[in-house]
Each structure stands twice: as structure tokens, then as C-alpha cells.
Protein backbone atom coordinates (compact mmCIF):
# COMPACT_ATOMS: atom_id res chain seq x y z
CA UNK A 1 0.00 0.00 0.00
CA UNK A 2 1.61 3.23 -1.12
CA UNK A 3 -0.76 5.68 0.52
CA UNK A 4 -3.82 6.19 2.67
CA UNK A 5 -6.58 8.59 1.58
CA UNK A 6 -4.21 10.02 -1.03
CA UNK A 7 -1.42 10.68 1.50
CA UNK A 8 1.92 8.93 1.28
CA UNK A 9 3.98 7.72 4.21
CA UNK A 10 6.12 10.84 4.82
CA UNK A 11 2.99 12.99 4.93
CA UNK A 12 1.19 10.57 7.24
CA UNK A 13 4.12 10.54 9.67
CA UNK A 14 3.91 14.33 9.93
CA UNK A 15 0.16 14.88 9.78
CA UNK A 16 -0.77 12.23 12.34
CA UNK A 17 0.96 13.91 15.35
CA UNK A 18 0.34 17.41 13.98
CA UNK A 19 -3.44 17.05 13.78
CA UNK A 20 -3.60 15.19 17.10
CA UNK A 21 -1.48 17.90 18.74
CA UNK A 22 -3.78 20.66 17.52
CA UNK A 23 -6.76 18.62 18.73
CA UNK A 24 -5.21 18.38 22.20
CA UNK A 25 -5.12 22.18 22.43
CA UNK A 26 -8.84 22.30 21.67
CA UNK A 27 -9.86 19.65 24.19
CA UNK A 28 -10.62 20.97 27.66
CA UNK A 29 -10.52 17.63 29.43
CA UNK A 30 -6.97 16.71 30.45
CA UNK A 31 -7.68 12.97 30.45
CA UNK A 32 -9.07 13.12 26.91
CA UNK A 33 -5.94 14.95 25.75
CA UNK A 34 -3.78 12.24 27.28
CA UNK A 35 -5.78 9.52 25.53
CA UNK A 36 -5.64 11.36 22.18
CA UNK A 37 -1.87 11.80 22.50
CA UNK A 38 -1.31 8.12 23.28
CA UNK A 39 -3.65 6.95 20.53
CA UNK A 40 -1.96 9.25 18.01
CA UNK A 41 1.49 7.97 18.98
CA UNK A 42 0.37 4.38 18.42
CA UNK A 43 -1.13 5.24 15.03
CA UNK A 44 2.12 6.98 14.05
CA UNK A 45 4.08 3.88 15.08
CA UNK A 46 1.87 1.69 12.88
CA UNK A 47 2.43 4.08 9.96
CA UNK A 48 6.19 3.84 10.54
CA UNK A 49 6.07 0.05 10.53
CA UNK A 50 4.03 0.16 7.31
CA UNK A 51 6.55 2.50 5.64
CA UNK A 52 9.41 0.12 6.47
CA UNK A 53 7.44 -2.87 5.22
CA UNK A 54 6.69 -1.04 1.98
CA UNK A 55 10.35 -0.02 1.62
CA UNK A 56 11.14 -3.67 0.96
CA UNK A 57 9.84 -3.00 -2.55
CA UNK A 58 12.41 -1.54 -4.94
CA UNK A 59 9.90 1.04 -6.16
CA UNK A 60 10.03 3.78 -3.51
CA UNK A 61 7.57 6.27 -4.99
CA UNK A 62 5.30 5.73 -2.00
CA UNK A 63 8.06 7.12 0.21
CA UNK A 64 8.53 10.43 -1.62
CA UNK A 65 6.36 13.53 -1.96
CA UNK A 66 6.96 16.91 -3.60
CA UNK A 67 4.45 19.73 -3.82
CA UNK A 68 4.89 23.25 -5.13
CA UNK A 69 5.30 25.65 -2.22
CA UNK A 70 6.99 28.86 -3.40
CA UNK A 71 7.91 28.17 -7.02
CA UNK A 72 9.49 31.57 -7.72
CA UNK A 73 11.89 30.97 -4.82
CA UNK A 74 12.63 27.40 -5.88
CA UNK A 75 11.12 25.95 -2.70
CA UNK A 76 8.87 22.89 -2.64
CA UNK A 77 7.32 20.75 0.06
CA UNK A 78 9.74 17.98 -0.82
CA UNK A 79 9.76 15.18 1.75
CA UNK A 80 10.89 11.57 1.47
CA UNK A 81 12.28 8.57 3.28
CA UNK A 82 15.59 6.89 2.54
CA UNK A 83 17.14 4.26 4.82
CA UNK A 84 18.36 6.76 7.41
CA UNK A 85 15.03 8.57 7.39
CA UNK A 86 13.15 5.31 7.86
CA UNK A 87 15.36 4.38 10.81
CA UNK A 88 15.00 7.72 12.60
CA UNK A 89 11.28 8.08 11.97
CA UNK A 90 10.98 4.58 13.44
CA UNK A 91 12.96 5.70 16.49
CA UNK A 92 10.68 8.73 16.87
CA UNK A 93 7.50 6.72 16.38
CA UNK A 94 8.69 3.93 18.70
CA UNK A 95 9.82 6.29 21.46
CA UNK A 96 6.70 8.41 21.90
CA UNK A 97 4.35 5.58 22.97
CA UNK A 98 7.03 4.40 25.41
CA UNK A 99 7.35 7.90 26.86
CA UNK A 100 3.61 8.53 27.09
CA UNK A 101 2.81 5.15 28.68
CA UNK A 102 5.73 5.34 31.11
CA UNK A 103 4.61 8.80 32.30
CA UNK A 104 0.88 8.13 31.95
CA UNK A 105 0.22 8.57 35.68
CA UNK A 106 2.13 11.86 35.82
CA UNK A 107 -0.06 14.91 36.30
CA UNK A 108 0.52 18.25 34.59
CA UNK A 109 -1.18 21.57 35.09
CA UNK A 110 -3.03 22.33 31.83
CA UNK A 111 -2.24 18.87 30.48
CA UNK A 112 -4.00 19.61 27.19
CA UNK A 113 -1.32 22.16 26.29
CA UNK A 114 1.44 19.83 27.51
CA UNK A 115 0.38 16.95 25.28
CA UNK A 116 -0.36 19.28 22.39
CA UNK A 117 3.19 20.64 22.53
CA UNK A 118 4.63 17.13 22.83
CA UNK A 119 2.87 16.04 19.64
CA UNK A 120 3.92 19.20 17.79
CA UNK A 121 7.48 18.32 18.74
CA UNK A 122 6.99 14.84 17.28
CA UNK A 123 5.60 16.34 14.06
CA UNK A 124 8.63 18.62 13.83
CA UNK A 125 11.02 15.71 14.34
CA UNK A 126 9.29 13.70 11.63
CA UNK A 127 9.60 16.70 9.31
CA UNK A 128 13.33 17.05 9.97
CA UNK A 129 13.97 13.38 9.21
CA UNK A 130 11.95 13.45 5.97
CA UNK A 131 12.88 16.90 4.56
CA UNK A 132 14.47 16.89 1.09
CA UNK A 133 14.38 20.69 0.73
CA UNK A 134 16.58 23.06 2.74
CA UNK A 135 13.81 25.54 3.53
CA UNK A 136 11.47 22.72 4.59
CA UNK A 137 14.28 21.27 6.71
CA UNK A 138 14.80 24.61 8.45
CA UNK A 139 11.05 25.04 9.03
CA UNK A 140 10.72 21.66 10.73
CA UNK A 141 14.00 22.15 12.62
CA UNK A 142 12.41 25.17 14.30
CA UNK A 143 9.02 23.45 14.68
CA UNK A 144 10.73 20.69 16.67
CA UNK A 145 12.57 23.15 18.92
CA UNK A 146 9.98 25.83 19.67
CA UNK A 147 7.51 23.59 21.57
CA UNK A 148 10.38 22.35 23.74
CA UNK A 149 11.09 25.92 24.91
CA UNK A 150 7.54 26.15 26.25
CA UNK A 151 7.54 22.62 27.68
CA UNK A 152 10.73 23.30 29.64
CA UNK A 153 9.89 26.81 30.79
CA UNK A 154 6.33 26.02 31.86
CA UNK A 155 6.54 22.52 33.35
CA UNK A 156 10.21 22.33 34.37
CA UNK A 157 11.94 22.47 37.75
CA UNK A 158 12.72 25.37 40.05
CA UNK A 159 15.59 26.66 37.89
CA UNK A 160 13.76 26.09 34.61
CA UNK A 161 13.88 29.74 33.48
CA UNK A 162 17.68 29.93 33.62
CA UNK A 163 18.06 26.53 31.95
CA UNK A 164 15.54 27.35 29.23
CA UNK A 165 17.18 30.72 28.57
CA UNK A 166 20.56 29.05 28.05
CA UNK A 167 18.92 26.43 25.82
CA UNK A 168 17.23 29.19 23.81
CA UNK A 169 20.42 31.23 23.37
CA UNK A 170 22.42 28.23 22.18
CA UNK A 171 19.83 26.81 19.81
CA UNK A 172 18.72 30.19 18.45
CA UNK A 173 22.33 31.09 17.69
CA UNK A 174 22.85 27.77 15.95
CA UNK A 175 19.64 28.15 13.94
CA UNK A 176 20.63 31.67 12.85
CA UNK A 177 24.05 30.50 11.69
CA UNK A 178 22.45 27.66 9.75
CA UNK A 179 19.94 30.02 8.12
CA UNK A 180 22.77 32.28 6.93
CA UNK A 181 24.51 29.23 5.47
CA UNK A 182 21.34 27.98 3.78
CA UNK A 183 20.70 31.34 2.12
CA UNK A 184 24.30 31.60 0.90
CA UNK A 185 24.31 28.09 -0.59
CA UNK A 186 20.87 28.73 -2.12
CA UNK A 187 22.23 31.79 -3.96
CA UNK A 188 24.90 29.54 -5.53
CA UNK A 189 22.55 26.83 -6.79
CA UNK A 190 21.68 26.36 -10.46
CA UNK A 191 18.50 27.95 -11.88
CA UNK A 192 15.28 26.02 -12.37
CA UNK A 193 12.55 26.58 -14.99
CA UNK A 194 10.58 28.70 -12.50
CA UNK A 195 13.26 30.35 -10.37
CA UNK A 196 16.83 31.57 -10.38
CA UNK A 197 17.85 29.17 -7.62
CA UNK A 198 16.56 26.13 -5.73
CA UNK A 199 16.34 24.92 -2.12
CA UNK A 200 16.17 21.25 -3.13
CA UNK A 201 18.59 18.82 -1.55
CA UNK A 202 20.02 17.77 -4.91
CA UNK A 203 20.64 21.42 -5.84
CA UNK A 204 22.47 22.01 -2.58
CA UNK A 205 24.68 18.99 -3.26
CA UNK A 206 25.71 20.44 -6.64
CA UNK A 207 25.93 24.13 -5.68
CA UNK A 208 28.81 26.09 -7.20
CA UNK A 209 30.86 26.77 -4.06
CA UNK A 210 34.62 27.29 -4.01
CA UNK A 211 36.96 25.66 -1.51
CA UNK A 212 37.36 28.89 0.46
CA UNK A 213 33.61 29.31 0.68
CA UNK A 214 33.24 25.72 1.82
CA UNK A 215 35.62 26.37 4.71
CA UNK A 216 33.54 29.03 6.43
CA UNK A 217 30.18 27.54 5.40
CA UNK A 218 31.28 24.27 6.99
CA UNK A 219 31.64 25.96 10.38
CA UNK A 220 28.29 27.73 10.08
CA UNK A 221 26.47 24.45 9.56
CA UNK A 222 28.65 22.37 11.88
CA UNK A 223 28.21 24.81 14.77
CA UNK A 224 24.42 24.61 14.42
CA UNK A 225 24.48 20.82 14.30
CA UNK A 226 27.12 20.47 17.04
CA UNK A 227 24.99 22.54 19.43
CA UNK A 228 22.06 20.24 18.80
CA UNK A 229 23.98 16.98 19.28
CA UNK A 230 25.76 18.39 21.44
CA UNK A 231 29.53 17.88 21.24
CA UNK A 232 32.31 19.64 23.14
CA UNK A 233 32.56 22.63 23.52
CA UNK A 234 28.93 23.34 22.54
CA UNK A 235 27.45 21.10 25.23
CA UNK A 236 27.02 23.31 28.28
CA UNK A 237 23.28 23.88 27.77
CA UNK A 238 22.52 20.17 27.97
CA UNK A 239 23.00 19.09 31.63
CA UNK A 240 21.01 22.04 33.01
CA UNK A 241 18.20 21.59 30.49
CA UNK A 242 17.97 17.84 31.09
CA UNK A 243 17.94 18.37 34.85
CA UNK A 244 15.22 21.05 34.85
CA UNK A 245 12.93 19.68 32.12
CA UNK A 246 9.95 17.42 32.87
CA UNK A 247 11.16 13.84 32.53
CA UNK A 248 8.97 13.17 29.48
CA UNK A 249 10.57 16.16 27.73
CA UNK A 250 14.05 15.07 28.78
CA UNK A 251 13.37 11.69 27.16
CA UNK A 252 12.47 13.40 23.90
CA UNK A 253 15.51 15.68 24.07
CA UNK A 254 18.07 12.96 24.79
CA UNK A 255 16.47 10.01 23.05
CA UNK A 256 15.45 11.65 19.77
CA UNK A 257 16.20 15.34 19.45
CA UNK A 258 19.98 15.08 19.77
CA UNK A 259 19.83 12.74 16.76
CA UNK A 260 18.70 15.75 14.71
CA UNK A 261 22.28 17.02 14.87
CA UNK A 262 23.87 13.70 13.93
CA UNK A 263 21.34 13.21 11.15
CA UNK A 264 21.95 16.73 9.81
CA UNK A 265 25.71 16.16 9.65
CA UNK A 266 25.15 13.03 7.57
CA UNK A 267 22.35 14.41 5.39
CA UNK A 268 23.65 17.94 4.75
CA UNK A 269 27.17 18.65 5.99
CA UNK A 270 29.14 15.66 4.69
CA UNK A 271 27.72 15.62 1.14
CA UNK A 272 27.77 19.43 0.69
CA UNK A 273 31.28 20.31 1.80
CA UNK A 274 33.69 17.47 0.93
CA UNK A 275 36.70 19.80 0.58
CA UNK A 276 36.10 21.42 3.97
CA UNK A 277 35.50 17.98 5.43
CA UNK A 278 38.97 16.94 4.31
CA UNK A 279 40.54 20.04 5.86
CA UNK A 280 38.77 20.06 9.24
CA UNK A 281 38.00 16.43 10.00
CA UNK A 282 40.99 16.01 12.31
CA UNK A 283 39.93 19.04 14.37
CA UNK A 284 36.40 17.68 14.78
CA UNK A 285 37.65 14.20 15.70
CA UNK A 286 39.97 15.63 18.36
CA UNK A 287 37.18 17.77 19.83
CA UNK A 288 34.84 14.77 19.87
CA UNK A 289 37.34 12.42 21.51
CA UNK A 290 38.31 15.02 24.10
CA UNK A 291 34.63 15.63 24.78
CA UNK A 292 34.09 11.90 25.35
CA UNK A 293 36.74 11.80 28.05
CA UNK A 294 35.70 15.12 29.56
CA UNK A 295 32.03 14.15 29.80
CA UNK A 296 32.87 10.70 31.20
CA UNK A 297 35.09 12.15 33.91
CA UNK A 298 32.43 14.70 34.85
CA UNK A 299 29.81 11.92 34.96
CA UNK A 300 31.86 10.00 37.52
CA UNK A 301 31.64 12.95 39.92
CA UNK A 302 27.88 13.46 39.59
CA UNK A 303 25.55 12.82 42.50
CA UNK A 304 22.37 13.72 40.59
CA UNK A 305 21.02 10.88 38.44
CA UNK A 306 19.77 13.20 35.71
CA UNK A 307 23.11 14.99 35.35
CA UNK A 308 24.96 11.67 35.30
CA UNK A 309 22.87 10.41 32.39
CA UNK A 310 23.17 13.79 30.65
CA UNK A 311 26.99 13.65 30.65
CA UNK A 312 26.85 9.99 29.63
CA UNK A 313 24.85 11.03 26.58
CA UNK A 314 27.45 13.65 25.61
CA UNK A 315 30.13 10.94 25.61
CA UNK A 316 28.08 8.63 23.39
CA UNK A 317 27.26 11.38 20.89
CA UNK A 318 30.94 12.35 20.79
CA UNK A 319 31.80 8.86 19.58
CA UNK A 320 29.19 9.10 16.81
CA UNK A 321 30.62 12.43 15.66
CA UNK A 322 34.20 11.11 15.70
CA UNK A 323 33.17 8.03 13.70
CA UNK A 324 31.47 10.11 11.01
CA UNK A 325 34.53 12.28 10.43
CA UNK A 326 36.95 9.36 10.60
CA UNK A 327 35.04 7.47 7.91
CA UNK A 328 35.92 9.89 5.13
CA UNK A 329 39.67 9.32 5.50
CA UNK A 330 39.69 5.52 5.28
CA UNK A 331 38.10 5.09 1.87
CA UNK A 332 35.74 2.19 1.27
CA UNK A 333 36.33 0.96 4.83
CA UNK A 334 34.64 4.15 6.04
CA UNK A 335 31.26 2.54 5.50
CA UNK A 336 31.69 0.57 8.69
CA UNK A 337 31.86 3.76 10.78
CA UNK A 338 28.83 5.43 9.20
CA UNK A 339 26.90 2.16 9.42
CA UNK A 340 27.79 1.98 13.09
CA UNK A 341 26.52 5.53 13.59
CA UNK A 342 23.23 4.61 11.92
CA UNK A 343 22.52 1.71 14.23
CA UNK A 344 23.87 3.54 17.27
CA UNK A 345 21.49 6.45 16.77
CA UNK A 346 18.61 4.02 17.18
CA UNK A 347 20.22 2.03 20.01
CA UNK A 348 21.27 5.05 22.04
CA UNK A 349 17.77 6.50 21.77
CA UNK A 350 16.18 3.34 23.18
CA UNK A 351 18.75 2.88 25.95
CA UNK A 352 18.75 6.47 27.17
CA UNK A 353 14.94 6.57 27.29
CA UNK A 354 15.04 3.39 29.37
CA UNK A 355 17.42 5.05 31.85
CA UNK A 356 15.19 8.14 32.10
CA UNK A 357 12.14 5.98 32.76
CA UNK A 358 13.90 4.25 35.66
CA UNK A 359 15.06 7.59 37.09
CA UNK A 360 11.51 8.95 36.84
CA UNK A 361 10.08 5.90 38.62
CA UNK A 362 12.57 6.28 41.46
CA UNK A 363 11.99 10.02 41.79
CA UNK A 364 8.20 9.63 41.83
CA UNK A 365 8.41 7.21 44.76
CA UNK A 366 11.19 8.82 46.78
CA UNK A 367 11.11 12.49 45.75
CA UNK A 368 14.92 12.54 45.31
CA UNK A 369 17.48 11.97 42.56
CA UNK A 370 20.65 12.14 44.65
CA UNK A 371 22.68 8.93 44.44
CA UNK A 372 24.03 9.52 47.95
CA UNK A 373 20.50 9.56 49.39
CA UNK A 374 19.39 6.28 47.80
CA UNK A 375 20.23 2.63 48.35
CA UNK A 376 18.73 -0.83 48.64
CA UNK A 377 16.11 -0.34 45.92
CA UNK A 378 16.64 -3.96 44.77
CA UNK A 379 15.15 -5.23 48.03
CA UNK A 380 11.91 -3.36 47.41
CA UNK A 381 11.62 -3.43 43.61
CA UNK A 382 13.45 -6.48 42.17
CA UNK A 383 11.78 -6.29 38.74
CA UNK A 384 12.77 -2.65 38.35
CA UNK A 385 16.32 -3.58 39.33
CA UNK A 386 16.57 -6.38 36.77
CA UNK A 387 15.33 -4.08 34.02
CA UNK A 388 17.73 -1.33 35.03
CA UNK A 389 20.73 -3.67 35.11
CA UNK A 390 20.02 -4.84 31.54
CA UNK A 391 19.59 -1.26 30.30
CA UNK A 392 22.72 -0.13 32.17
CA UNK A 393 24.79 -2.95 30.67
CA UNK A 394 23.49 -2.00 27.23
CA UNK A 395 24.53 1.59 27.92
CA UNK A 396 28.12 0.44 28.41
CA UNK A 397 27.93 -1.71 25.23
CA UNK A 398 28.05 -5.22 26.70
CA UNK A 399 28.21 -7.86 23.92
CA UNK A 400 24.79 -9.14 22.78
CA UNK A 401 23.21 -5.77 23.57
CA UNK A 402 22.25 -3.23 20.92
CA UNK A 403 24.93 -0.65 21.76
CA UNK A 404 27.75 -3.17 21.31
CA UNK A 405 27.08 -3.49 17.59
CA UNK A 406 27.26 0.21 16.84
CA UNK A 407 30.14 1.00 19.17
CA UNK A 408 32.25 -1.88 17.83
CA UNK A 409 31.83 -0.59 14.28
CA UNK A 410 32.55 3.01 15.24
CA UNK A 411 35.70 2.09 17.18
CA UNK A 412 36.80 -0.05 14.23
CA UNK A 413 36.52 3.00 12.00
CA UNK A 414 38.55 5.10 14.43
CA UNK A 415 41.19 2.36 14.73
CA UNK A 416 41.56 2.08 10.95
CA UNK A 417 42.21 5.81 10.83
CA UNK A 418 44.53 6.08 13.81
CA UNK A 419 45.09 3.58 16.62
CA UNK A 420 45.77 6.40 19.08
CA UNK A 421 42.35 7.93 18.44
CA UNK A 422 40.74 4.58 19.17
CA UNK A 423 42.87 4.02 22.28
CA UNK A 424 42.11 7.41 23.81
CA UNK A 425 38.43 7.20 22.91
CA UNK A 426 38.37 3.65 24.28
CA UNK A 427 39.13 5.01 27.75
CA UNK A 428 35.56 6.31 27.75
CA UNK A 429 34.33 2.69 27.76
CA UNK A 430 36.20 2.05 31.01
CA UNK A 431 34.96 5.30 32.50
CA UNK A 432 31.39 4.50 31.41
CA UNK A 433 31.60 1.18 33.22
CA UNK A 434 32.88 2.99 36.33
CA UNK A 435 30.10 5.56 36.63
CA UNK A 436 27.34 3.23 35.45
CA UNK A 437 28.17 0.31 37.73
CA UNK A 438 28.86 2.68 40.61
CA UNK A 439 25.40 4.15 40.15
CA UNK A 440 23.79 0.70 40.03
CA UNK A 441 25.62 -0.42 43.16
CA UNK A 442 24.86 2.68 45.24
CA UNK A 443 21.24 3.12 44.22
CA UNK A 444 20.00 -0.45 43.94
CA UNK A 445 22.14 -2.54 46.26
CA UNK A 446 23.16 -2.30 49.90
CA UNK A 447 20.74 -1.57 52.73
CA UNK A 448 17.58 0.48 52.47
CA UNK A 449 17.35 3.79 54.28
CA UNK A 450 14.63 6.19 55.35
CA UNK A 451 14.21 7.42 51.79
CA UNK A 452 13.98 4.02 50.06
CA UNK A 453 12.23 1.99 52.79
CA UNK A 454 8.81 2.86 51.34
CA UNK A 455 9.57 2.01 47.69
CA UNK A 456 7.12 -0.40 46.08
CA UNK A 457 7.40 -2.59 43.01
CA UNK A 458 6.58 -0.83 39.77
CA UNK A 459 3.12 -1.02 38.18
CA UNK A 460 2.14 -3.35 35.32
CA UNK A 461 2.27 -0.66 32.60
CA UNK A 462 5.76 0.33 33.76
CA UNK A 463 6.91 -3.31 33.70
CA UNK A 464 5.57 -3.72 30.17
CA UNK A 465 7.32 -0.60 28.87
CA UNK A 466 10.67 -1.56 30.40
CA UNK A 467 10.23 -5.11 29.10
CA UNK A 468 9.67 -3.76 25.57
CA UNK A 469 12.90 -1.78 25.86
CA UNK A 470 14.81 -4.83 27.12
CA UNK A 471 13.47 -6.95 24.24
CA UNK A 472 14.52 -4.25 21.76
CA UNK A 473 18.00 -4.16 23.33
CA UNK A 474 18.56 -7.88 22.81
CA UNK A 475 16.77 -8.05 19.46
CA UNK A 476 18.98 -5.41 17.87
CA UNK A 477 22.07 -6.72 19.66
CA UNK A 478 21.61 -10.30 18.47
CA UNK A 479 20.05 -9.68 15.06
CA UNK A 480 21.11 -6.28 13.67
CA UNK A 481 21.08 -7.35 10.01
CA UNK A 482 17.66 -5.83 9.17
CA UNK A 483 18.96 -2.39 10.18
CA UNK A 484 22.07 -2.90 8.07
CA UNK A 485 19.90 -3.82 5.09
CA UNK A 486 17.69 -0.79 5.67
CA UNK A 487 20.52 1.76 5.68
CA UNK A 488 23.24 0.25 3.46
CA UNK A 489 22.31 2.24 0.34
CA UNK A 490 22.22 5.50 2.31
CA UNK A 491 25.62 4.72 3.84
CA UNK A 492 27.12 4.04 0.41
CA UNK A 493 25.73 7.33 -0.91
CA UNK A 494 27.05 9.38 2.04
CA UNK A 495 30.53 7.90 1.80
CA UNK A 496 30.58 8.50 -1.96
CA UNK A 497 29.50 12.14 -1.57
CA UNK A 498 32.01 12.80 1.21
CA UNK A 499 35.01 11.92 -0.92
């Protein structure tokens, strides 16, 4: 089936959460808004599964759409799904039901607006991952970010205003730099029958840009994407924002939204500026590797569970960034690094959401997130402990878990480029084991105390959600081949364009 009611899969993935989000704003009953949001997320997941099933056919016309938008500017509503788009829309569609079910019992003041903004964020994310036009990409990039400003500033913690302001300054600056770059590249694209220039992705790939122009354009785009990932030294907004945001929003930020930056590097930066990529790849790799060690060392010292996971995420994203830029230098072997990034984007999203769910469950029962104030949770909630241990081991890339596959391929790419890069970056694996296992030991084992004595076993819906995550961890870890098949053509294209 190529379409439903005349709409193809990319449109359906965007319209489903968009319409449901607008409906949530209209509804006055908070419970009804929650039900609509959950139902919409499930429908979107089914659409994502259908798009992947249909992608098995060699004819992909059902996965591409292009409509005239502003013809005299060379802009069209051009959206489509290649392998990477399919994978990341699946991650987005898979994550939202998990988040909404896991936080279903949470109460929010003016919940209708909360769920409406959450679904608008999902629509924006789907738009980013399907955009094949630079102006459309920028529109959805902002659509994904703007609702998060309101979600954080309205439903966040005590210091939410300061955290949201920092988040706004960073992301607005990055968006402005990217917009300048988009306009400049647009003015150097070839004419079309209706306009002097074009915003289409293919036109941007073939724009007439000199080496010198590529150098400074590279940093405009990379800065915008690096802030979103984030990688060192553009990361300082992240821990504060994660700590102060509502947990459901933090899950979206860390599980899905940071992948916007990684995706954008692969979709736009690498193919557009191959000369600049050759000149600056070593600088980016060094920044990424240093950031991995820096974030891991900071994570070891954290006493707040949210900040620990936030710095852990910075380290994982740093490895993805290093692998992307190492792949260009090692020729055909570079496919292994980009392929590892593809699968790791999905795996990291699932694992990090699992960690946030566990942290939220503990905080709801105890009212605290301080590691030093917890202990003995395993005695009161053994099922929660088992789930957390599996997710934690996946987070440190234990063999047979999903993260092992991606990390092994990314480290292989780094090693083929330079053994020292791989050795230094590999220290982050040891450090990850230190802070992760230390957290598990202090929070879940030992004797209970006044804070944890009243903890109860988690509810059935929470067990089901964590079980789904655990199954996904082992399924991808043991049988990753379907993801390789899904993204192999995209990987080949990216490596070819980056040369």
C-alpha cells in the first residue's frame, strides 16, 4: 500500500501527530488529551512500521512527496524517506508511545497544552527526518525546537527559566548560523525553470561553491548541528536543560532530538562540503574524543542521576561524531563507521529513554534523585532492578546488547584511521563502566534507608514498557542485520558524496 486517503507515508508521519497535537489544544478535558496523545502515537508507530514494510519494494515512490510551495523561490514541500530517514522516523515513532505510557500517571497543570506541545514536537522531528528541501528542513527544525522551549519553561523544575534561557540562546544562535549558510548556498545553486535558484537537496549537493567558501560555510552548519547533538565545547546547555525539564521532555531531548544534529551532519554537511570535510576532520575528531573523556570524567563525579545520564549522553554522541569524520579518510572501509553511527542512533535512543524511565520511577516514589540519598532499591523493587541492570549494561555496550554493535563498528573506524584515536576514545568505555556500575551499586544494592524503605514494586504498565525496551535491546544486539539492510544504500551514498 503506497498511501492512505491520497497521503503517502512521509505525509502521514507528519500529519498524524500534527493534527492530534492541535486537537489536544482544543480539548478541555486533560484525560481526553492524554488519551488522544497516546492513541496518536500508536497510530504513528503503525504508519512507521508500514513504511518500512513497503520499503522492501524496490519502487520507492510511496516514500517520496513533492508539492509546489513557493515556485518563484525554488522551494517545494519535498519530503521523502531513505534508509536513514526510515530508521530515525521509526525511532521517533517507537519512542513516543514508550514515553507517554511510562509517564501516563504523571499529572501536569493544563495537560491539554502539555500533550499538544509534545505532539507538535513529534511532528517537527518527523519533518526534519523526511525533509528533502533546505527551507522545509529549516522550518521543521524550528518546529521541533519551539515547543520544547515552552515545555521546559512552563513545566520544568525550580531553575527552569535559567536553563531554558541558556537552551534558547544556544539553539537560536545555531539556527541563525544555519539560516545564513542555507541562504548563501541557495544563492549559488543552479537555476530552475521557474526560479533563479533552488532549495532542493540535490541542488544544494551540486551548488557552485569554491573551496574557500566551503571552509567558512562548513563551520556555520557544523556549529548549528554540534549545538544540537551536542559535542564539546557546545554542550554546556545540555545538563542544566535535562535536569530542569519534565522527565517526558528530557526523554524526547536525549532520546530523539539530539539525533537531529547527527542526522543533519550526515544528510547535509558531509555531502555538501567534501573539501572542507577533508581540511577540518581532524579538528572535529579531536574535539569529539576530548569531549568523550571530559564528559565521562564529569559523569563519575555526579551525585544527581539526571546529570549523570546527561553527561553519559554527551560521551556517546561524541563517539558518533568522531566516527562520522573518521570514515571519510579511510576510503571504502569508512562505510563501517557510518553504518555503526546509523545503528547507534537508534540504540542510544532506546537505551537512554530506558534510563530516564527508571530515574523517573525512582523520583516519583522517593522524591529525590541524589545517588548519595538512595540505596537498597533492589530489596523493594526487584523487577525494576533487573530491568535497570540490563539497560545499564546495554549503555556500556556489553556484547549481545544493541549498543555493542554500533560501538564496535565506530571504534573499528577510528582504529583504521589512527590507533591512538581509538585508544584514547576507548578510555571512555572504562569510564562508562565505572560511573554506570557505581550508580547501580549505590542506588540499587546495599541496605535500604529512610528514603527508600517505602519504595514499592513498579506497576504493570511500567513493567511492560521496560520489558519492551529490554526486548529491543537484545533483538537489535543479536540480530542487527535488518537495520544494516535498511541503511546500506544511504551509507554508500554518504561515503561517496564525502570523498
